[in-house]
Amino acid sequence: MTVPGLDLDRLAARLSDAGVTDGPLTAELIEGGKSNLTYIVRDGVRTVVVRRPPLGHVLATAHDMGREFRVMGALQDTDVPVPRMYHFCDDAEVVGAPFYVMEYVEGTPTRLTPEVGEHLADVLARLHVIDPAEVGLGDFGRPEGFLDRQVRRWKRQLDASRSREVAGIDELFARLAGDVPASGPPAIVHGDFKLGNTLIRDGKVAAVLDWEMSTLGDPLTDLALFLLYADFSDLDVGAVGGAVGGAVGGAVGGAVGGEVGGEVDVAALAARYAERSGRDTSRLGWYVGLACFKLAVITEGIHFRFTQGLTVGDGFAGIGDIVAPLVERGLREV
């Protein structure tokens, strides 16, 4: 059996030595592309999940297997549901890159209903009340100056993908840079918290996945991005078309489409989070503005690559139409 990105014979030998699996393996790629590759692996008795970076040359910092393994391992005995970690291998000779093995958790695709939204907000609050040092993550990031670095980072990304004038986007940056809030106590930040990065079972979060962007920083960046994902229908991008929604859902990691529809009360979710986390959300508008800026820059980058003929697949022709509503929403918030 041949599976792209996995040498099953070498993997079987490694996992057998580690006591994770026993005997020959079969594997199924369940998530591929430019994100990390995720496989369901079976030995005939046990089922586990293997995760490795994409094929080809990638930036190690963008696909840090050790980082994901470490943060989920630190959280597995907390109130934040994550898969149990079984094994980490930094020997690239085994499958061609570092990889880790984790528990297989069952979950089903679902819409962002009010019930699911409330549970997501509760899980996010539980993540953000954890003292990083108490779970061995006191050195997991650099929380000092976190927000300033975020604003500068996405401005650099914007400058690297400019191909047209985008009304208001520089004004949005200027407003963000000119009025950066003072952060509260740092927390473990997921970096891309949304329905699409969780497994849902019986209306509740069975596991939070995709921790490759996690760090220590200002937790309200997680909250704002989660609320923006939940409220994307407010941006009136329906004219863009279903095909583009699907393309963005994949290319931006599900940021636009799939889980949205205006079914949840985002103000109630924000209040619920604030109550359970004890965080001051009085400047939440600035954070939502930053989330809009981030997604606008990501989407503009995809639009730029489309104009250069560098995107693969259908549905990208109208993706640039999503940028303006994001910028407009950001300007209303900041």
Protein backbone atom coordinates (compact mmCIF):
# COMPACT_ATOMS: atom_id res chain seq x y z
CA MET A 1 0.00 0.00 0.00
CA THR A 2 1.42 3.39 -1.04
CA VAL A 3 0.38 6.57 0.76
CA PRO A 4 1.92 9.95 -0.19
CA GLY A 5 4.14 11.21 2.62
CA LEU A 6 4.32 7.98 4.63
CA ASP A 7 6.67 5.02 4.31
CA LEU A 8 4.43 2.50 6.04
CA ASP A 9 7.15 -0.09 6.58
CA ARG A 10 9.45 2.38 8.32
CA LEU A 11 6.53 3.89 10.21
CA ALA A 12 5.39 0.45 11.39
CA ALA A 13 8.87 -0.36 12.68
CA ARG A 14 9.12 2.95 14.52
CA LEU A 15 5.67 2.75 16.12
CA SER A 16 6.17 -0.90 17.06
CA ASP A 17 9.42 -0.01 18.85
CA ALA A 18 7.57 2.81 20.64
CA GLY A 19 4.75 0.47 21.70
CA VAL A 20 2.11 2.47 19.82
CA THR A 21 1.06 -0.07 17.17
CA ASP A 22 1.88 -3.69 16.40
CA GLY A 23 2.46 -5.16 12.95
CA PRO A 24 1.81 -3.93 9.39
CA LEU A 25 -0.06 -0.68 8.93
CA THR A 26 -2.66 0.73 6.58
CA ALA A 27 -3.18 4.46 6.20
CA GLU A 28 -5.67 6.91 4.74
CA LEU A 29 -4.89 10.56 4.04
CA ILE A 30 -7.73 12.62 5.48
CA GLU A 31 -6.34 16.13 5.19
CA GLY A 32 -3.82 17.28 2.65
CA GLY A 33 -2.67 20.20 0.55
CA LYS A 34 -0.64 23.11 1.87
CA SER A 35 -1.59 22.47 5.47
CA ASN A 36 -0.12 19.72 7.57
CA LEU A 37 -0.92 16.22 6.32
CA THR A 38 -3.15 14.11 8.54
CA TYR A 39 -3.61 10.36 8.24
CA ILE A 40 -5.76 7.71 9.89
CA VAL A 41 -3.42 4.77 10.55
CA ARG A 42 -4.52 1.26 11.54
CA ASP A 43 -2.71 -1.93 12.55
CA GLY A 44 -5.81 -4.11 12.41
CA VAL A 45 -6.61 -3.61 16.09
CA ARG A 46 -5.80 -0.02 16.96
CA THR A 47 -6.53 3.21 15.13
CA VAL A 48 -4.35 6.30 15.59
CA VAL A 49 -3.74 9.59 13.76
CA VAL A 50 -0.38 10.59 12.27
CA ARG A 51 0.37 14.21 11.41
CA ARG A 52 3.34 15.52 9.41
CA PRO A 53 4.23 18.68 7.43
CA PRO A 54 3.28 19.09 3.76
CA LEU A 55 5.42 17.47 1.09
CA GLY A 56 8.24 19.48 -0.40
CA HIS A 57 10.11 22.47 1.01
CA VAL A 58 8.28 24.19 3.86
CA LEU A 59 9.22 26.62 6.61
CA ALA A 60 9.86 24.62 9.75
CA THR A 61 8.38 27.37 11.92
CA ALA A 62 5.10 27.21 9.99
CA HIS A 63 4.71 23.44 10.36
CA ASP A 64 6.35 22.74 13.71
CA MET A 65 5.31 19.22 14.68
CA GLY A 66 7.07 19.45 18.02
CA ARG A 67 5.12 22.60 18.88
CA GLU A 68 1.74 21.00 18.22
CA PHE A 69 2.74 17.85 20.09
CA ARG A 70 3.99 19.85 23.06
CA VAL A 71 0.94 22.08 23.51
CA MET A 72 -1.61 19.28 23.14
CA GLY A 73 0.42 17.09 25.48
CA ALA A 74 0.43 19.91 28.04
CA LEU A 75 -3.35 20.34 27.76
CA GLN A 76 -4.46 16.70 27.76
CA ASP A 77 -5.22 16.59 31.48
CA THR A 78 -6.94 20.00 31.58
CA ASP A 79 -10.55 21.04 30.88
CA VAL A 80 -9.64 21.72 27.24
CA PRO A 81 -10.49 18.64 25.13
CA VAL A 82 -7.53 17.54 23.01
CA PRO A 83 -6.46 14.15 21.66
CA ARG A 84 -3.97 12.22 23.76
CA MET A 85 -0.43 12.35 22.42
CA TYR A 86 1.29 8.99 21.88
CA HIS A 87 4.61 9.59 20.14
CA PHE A 88 6.78 12.32 18.61
CA CYS A 89 9.56 11.58 16.12
CA ASP A 90 12.03 14.23 14.96
CA ASP A 91 13.99 11.77 12.80
CA ALA A 92 13.20 12.84 9.24
CA GLU A 93 14.56 9.54 7.90
CA VAL A 94 11.42 7.66 9.00
CA VAL A 95 8.75 9.35 6.86
CA GLY A 96 10.68 12.26 5.35
CA ALA A 97 9.85 14.83 8.04
CA PRO A 98 9.19 15.05 11.78
CA PHE A 99 5.79 13.66 12.76
CA TYR A 100 3.66 12.82 15.75
CA VAL A 101 1.02 10.25 16.60
CA MET A 102 -2.13 11.02 18.54
CA GLU A 103 -5.42 9.52 19.61
CA TYR A 104 -8.15 9.05 17.03
CA VAL A 105 -11.18 11.05 18.19
CA GLU A 106 -14.55 10.61 16.52
CA GLY A 107 -16.51 13.69 15.52
CA THR A 108 -19.05 14.73 12.93
CA PRO A 109 -19.30 17.79 10.64
CA THR A 110 -21.90 20.29 11.83
CA ARG A 111 -23.14 23.83 11.43
CA LEU A 112 -22.37 26.48 13.98
CA THR A 113 -25.64 26.25 15.91
CA PRO A 114 -26.31 28.30 19.06
CA GLU A 115 -25.62 25.24 21.22
CA VAL A 116 -22.32 24.46 19.53
CA GLY A 117 -21.35 28.14 19.60
CA GLU A 118 -21.89 28.33 23.35
CA HIS A 119 -19.78 25.24 23.92
CA LEU A 120 -17.01 26.61 21.74
CA ALA A 121 -17.03 29.86 23.74
CA ASP A 122 -16.85 27.85 26.97
CA VAL A 123 -13.90 25.80 25.72
CA LEU A 124 -12.08 28.94 24.60
CA ALA A 125 -12.63 30.52 28.01
CA ARG A 126 -11.33 27.38 29.73
CA LEU A 127 -8.20 27.50 27.56
CA HIS A 128 -7.55 31.11 28.46
CA VAL A 129 -7.85 30.70 32.23
CA ILE A 130 -5.07 28.09 32.30
CA ASP A 131 -1.83 29.37 33.79
CA PRO A 132 0.74 28.47 31.10
CA ALA A 133 3.47 27.86 33.67
CA GLU A 134 1.31 25.35 35.55
CA VAL A 135 1.13 23.09 32.49
CA GLY A 136 4.77 23.49 31.52
CA LEU A 137 4.25 26.16 28.86
CA GLY A 138 5.70 29.16 30.63
CA ASP A 139 8.32 29.54 27.88
CA PHE A 140 6.02 28.77 24.96
CA GLY A 141 6.07 32.27 23.45
CA ARG A 142 6.90 35.94 23.89
CA PRO A 143 3.74 37.64 25.16
CA GLU A 144 5.42 41.03 25.61
CA GLY A 145 4.63 43.16 22.56
CA PHE A 146 2.43 40.43 21.09
CA LEU A 147 -0.22 42.75 19.64
CA ASP A 148 2.31 45.15 18.13
CA ARG A 149 4.04 42.23 16.41
CA GLN A 150 0.72 40.95 15.07
CA VAL A 151 -0.15 44.29 13.49
CA ARG A 152 3.31 44.65 11.94
CA ARG A 153 3.33 41.05 10.72
CA TRP A 154 0.11 41.37 8.75
CA LYS A 155 1.19 44.72 7.32
CA ARG A 156 4.35 43.05 6.00
CA GLN A 157 2.20 40.30 4.48
CA LEU A 158 -0.01 42.93 2.84
CA ASP A 159 2.96 44.75 1.36
CA ALA A 160 4.26 41.47 -0.05
CA SER A 161 1.04 40.78 -1.95
CA ARG A 162 -0.10 44.18 -3.21
CA SER A 163 -1.41 44.02 -6.77
CA ARG A 164 -4.16 46.66 -6.70
CA GLU A 165 -5.58 49.46 -4.63
CA VAL A 166 -7.76 48.24 -1.77
CA ALA A 167 -9.82 51.12 -0.42
CA GLY A 168 -9.42 51.63 3.31
CA ILE A 169 -6.95 48.85 4.04
CA ASP A 170 -4.09 51.20 4.85
CA GLU A 171 -6.40 53.30 7.00
CA LEU A 172 -7.41 50.15 8.88
CA PHE A 173 -3.76 49.36 9.51
CA ALA A 174 -3.09 52.91 10.69
CA ARG A 175 -6.01 52.80 13.13
CA LEU A 176 -4.87 49.46 14.52
CA ALA A 177 -1.23 50.51 14.84
CA GLY A 178 -2.14 53.85 16.40
CA ASP A 179 -4.29 52.54 19.22
CA VAL A 180 -2.98 49.14 20.34
CA PRO A 181 -4.69 48.08 23.58
CA ALA A 182 -2.78 47.14 26.70
CA SER A 183 -2.97 43.37 26.99
CA GLY A 184 -4.16 41.60 30.12
CA PRO A 185 -2.36 38.58 31.57
CA PRO A 186 -0.97 36.39 28.77
CA ALA A 187 -2.59 33.07 27.97
CA ILE A 188 -2.19 30.09 25.68
CA VAL A 189 -3.45 31.33 22.32
CA HIS A 190 -4.67 28.76 19.78
CA GLY A 191 -4.17 31.13 16.86
CA ASP A 192 -6.99 29.85 14.62
CA PHE A 193 -9.84 28.86 16.91
CA LYS A 194 -13.02 28.03 14.98
CA LEU A 195 -15.54 25.30 14.42
CA GLY A 196 -13.52 23.88 11.53
CA ASN A 197 -10.59 23.17 13.83
CA THR A 198 -12.62 21.09 16.27
CA LEU A 199 -14.33 17.72 16.34
CA ILE A 200 -17.95 17.87 17.51
CA ARG A 201 -19.80 14.96 19.11
CA ASP A 202 -23.33 15.18 20.55
CA GLY A 203 -23.31 18.96 20.19
CA LYS A 204 -20.13 19.44 22.21
CA VAL A 205 -16.43 19.82 21.44
CA ALA A 206 -14.79 16.39 21.53
CA ALA A 207 -11.35 17.74 20.60
CA VAL A 208 -9.63 20.98 19.58
CA LEU A 209 -7.16 20.39 16.74
CA ASP A 210 -4.65 22.29 14.56
CA TRP A 211 -2.44 23.97 17.15
CA GLU A 212 0.35 24.83 14.71
CA MET A 213 -0.15 28.60 15.28
CA SER A 214 -0.37 28.37 19.06
CA THR A 215 1.76 30.55 21.32
CA LEU A 216 1.57 32.72 24.42
CA GLY A 217 -0.08 36.07 23.86
CA ASP A 218 -3.26 38.10 24.13
CA PRO A 219 -6.22 35.68 24.26
CA LEU A 220 -8.70 38.22 22.92
CA THR A 221 -7.18 37.67 19.48
CA ASP A 222 -8.60 34.13 19.65
CA LEU A 223 -12.00 35.41 20.77
CA ALA A 224 -12.22 38.06 18.04
CA LEU A 225 -11.29 35.67 15.26
CA PHE A 226 -13.77 33.08 16.55
CA LEU A 227 -16.55 35.69 16.62
CA LEU A 228 -15.69 36.91 13.13
CA TYR A 229 -15.84 33.36 11.77
CA ALA A 230 -19.22 32.95 13.46
CA ASP A 231 -20.57 36.25 12.12
CA PHE A 232 -19.21 36.27 8.57
CA SER A 233 -22.73 36.51 7.15
CA ASP A 234 -22.69 40.10 8.40
CA LEU A 235 -20.16 40.88 5.67
CA ASP A 236 -22.67 40.33 2.86
CA VAL A 237 -20.46 38.25 0.58
CA GLY A 238 -23.32 36.22 -0.84
CA ALA A 239 -22.88 37.74 -4.29
CA VAL A 240 -19.45 36.17 -4.53
CA GLY A 241 -21.04 32.78 -5.09
CA GLY A 242 -20.95 29.34 -3.54
CA ALA A 243 -17.91 28.19 -5.47
CA VAL A 244 -15.81 31.00 -4.05
CA GLY A 245 -17.12 30.30 -0.57
CA GLY A 246 -15.89 26.75 -0.91
CA ALA A 247 -12.53 27.85 -2.26
CA VAL A 248 -11.98 30.29 0.56
CA GLY A 249 -13.13 27.69 3.02
CA GLY A 250 -10.20 25.57 1.94
CA ALA A 251 -7.63 28.20 1.14
CA VAL A 252 -8.14 30.30 4.25
CA GLY A 253 -8.74 27.26 6.40
CA GLY A 254 -12.52 27.59 6.59
CA ALA A 255 -12.48 31.25 7.53
CA VAL A 256 -15.20 32.13 5.05
CA GLY A 257 -17.96 29.66 4.48
CA GLY A 258 -19.00 26.27 5.74
CA GLU A 259 -19.62 27.17 9.37
CA VAL A 260 -21.37 30.51 9.01
CA GLY A 261 -24.94 31.53 8.42
CA GLY A 262 -25.97 34.08 11.04
CA GLU A 263 -27.52 31.46 13.29
CA VAL A 264 -25.73 32.51 16.47
CA ASP A 265 -25.80 35.66 18.61
CA VAL A 266 -22.15 36.71 18.62
CA ALA A 267 -22.72 39.41 21.25
CA ALA A 268 -24.11 36.75 23.57
CA LEU A 269 -21.12 34.52 22.85
CA ALA A 270 -18.74 37.39 23.68
CA ALA A 271 -20.59 38.05 26.95
CA ARG A 272 -20.55 34.35 27.80
CA TYR A 273 -16.80 34.18 27.18
CA ALA A 274 -16.17 37.30 29.29
CA GLU A 275 -18.17 35.90 32.20
CA ARG A 276 -16.39 32.54 32.17
CA SER A 277 -12.88 33.83 31.50
CA GLY A 278 -12.95 36.98 33.63
CA ARG A 279 -11.34 38.89 30.75
CA ASP A 280 -12.01 42.58 30.06
CA THR A 281 -13.61 42.70 26.61
CA SER A 282 -14.28 46.45 26.53
CA ARG A 283 -11.83 46.89 23.61
CA LEU A 284 -13.13 43.90 21.70
CA GLY A 285 -13.87 46.06 18.65
CA TRP A 286 -10.12 46.66 18.14
CA TYR A 287 -9.47 42.93 18.22
CA VAL A 288 -12.25 42.24 15.71
CA GLY A 289 -10.70 44.94 13.52
CA LEU A 290 -7.38 43.10 13.73
CA ALA A 291 -9.12 39.84 12.80
CA CYS A 292 -10.68 41.57 9.78
CA PHE A 293 -7.30 42.95 8.76
CA LYS A 294 -5.69 39.52 9.09
CA LEU A 295 -8.34 37.76 6.98
CA ALA A 296 -8.35 40.59 4.43
CA VAL A 297 -4.59 40.27 4.01
CA ILE A 298 -4.78 36.48 3.69
CA THR A 299 -7.58 36.72 1.13
CA GLU A 300 -5.79 39.46 -0.82
CA GLY A 301 -2.75 37.20 -0.93
CA ILE A 302 -4.85 34.42 -2.45
CA HIS A 303 -6.29 36.91 -4.96
CA PHE A 304 -2.76 38.01 -5.90
CA ARG A 305 -1.65 34.40 -6.44
CA PHE A 306 -4.76 33.80 -8.56
CA THR A 307 -3.90 36.75 -10.81
CA GLN A 308 -0.41 35.25 -11.21
CA GLY A 309 -1.86 31.87 -12.19
CA LEU A 310 -0.48 30.25 -9.04
CA THR A 311 -3.67 28.88 -7.50
CA VAL A 312 -4.83 25.31 -8.05
CA GLY A 313 -8.51 24.41 -8.45
CA ASP A 314 -11.73 26.25 -9.25
CA GLY A 315 -13.60 29.03 -7.48
CA PHE A 316 -10.86 31.63 -7.07
CA ALA A 317 -12.04 34.10 -9.73
CA GLY A 318 -14.17 36.13 -7.33
CA ILE A 319 -12.13 35.70 -4.18
CA GLY A 320 -10.84 39.25 -4.30
CA ASP A 321 -14.42 40.50 -3.82
CA ILE A 322 -14.31 39.35 -0.19
CA VAL A 323 -11.51 41.76 0.76
CA ALA A 324 -13.51 45.00 0.65
CA PRO A 325 -16.30 43.82 3.00
CA LEU A 326 -13.67 42.65 5.48
CA VAL A 327 -11.93 46.03 5.40
CA GLU A 328 -15.23 47.87 5.75
CA ARG A 329 -16.20 45.75 8.73
CA GLY A 330 -12.79 46.32 10.31
CA LEU A 331 -13.12 50.09 9.93
CA ARG A 332 -16.54 50.00 11.60
CA GLU A 333 -15.10 48.08 14.53
CA VAL A 334 -11.90 49.99 15.29
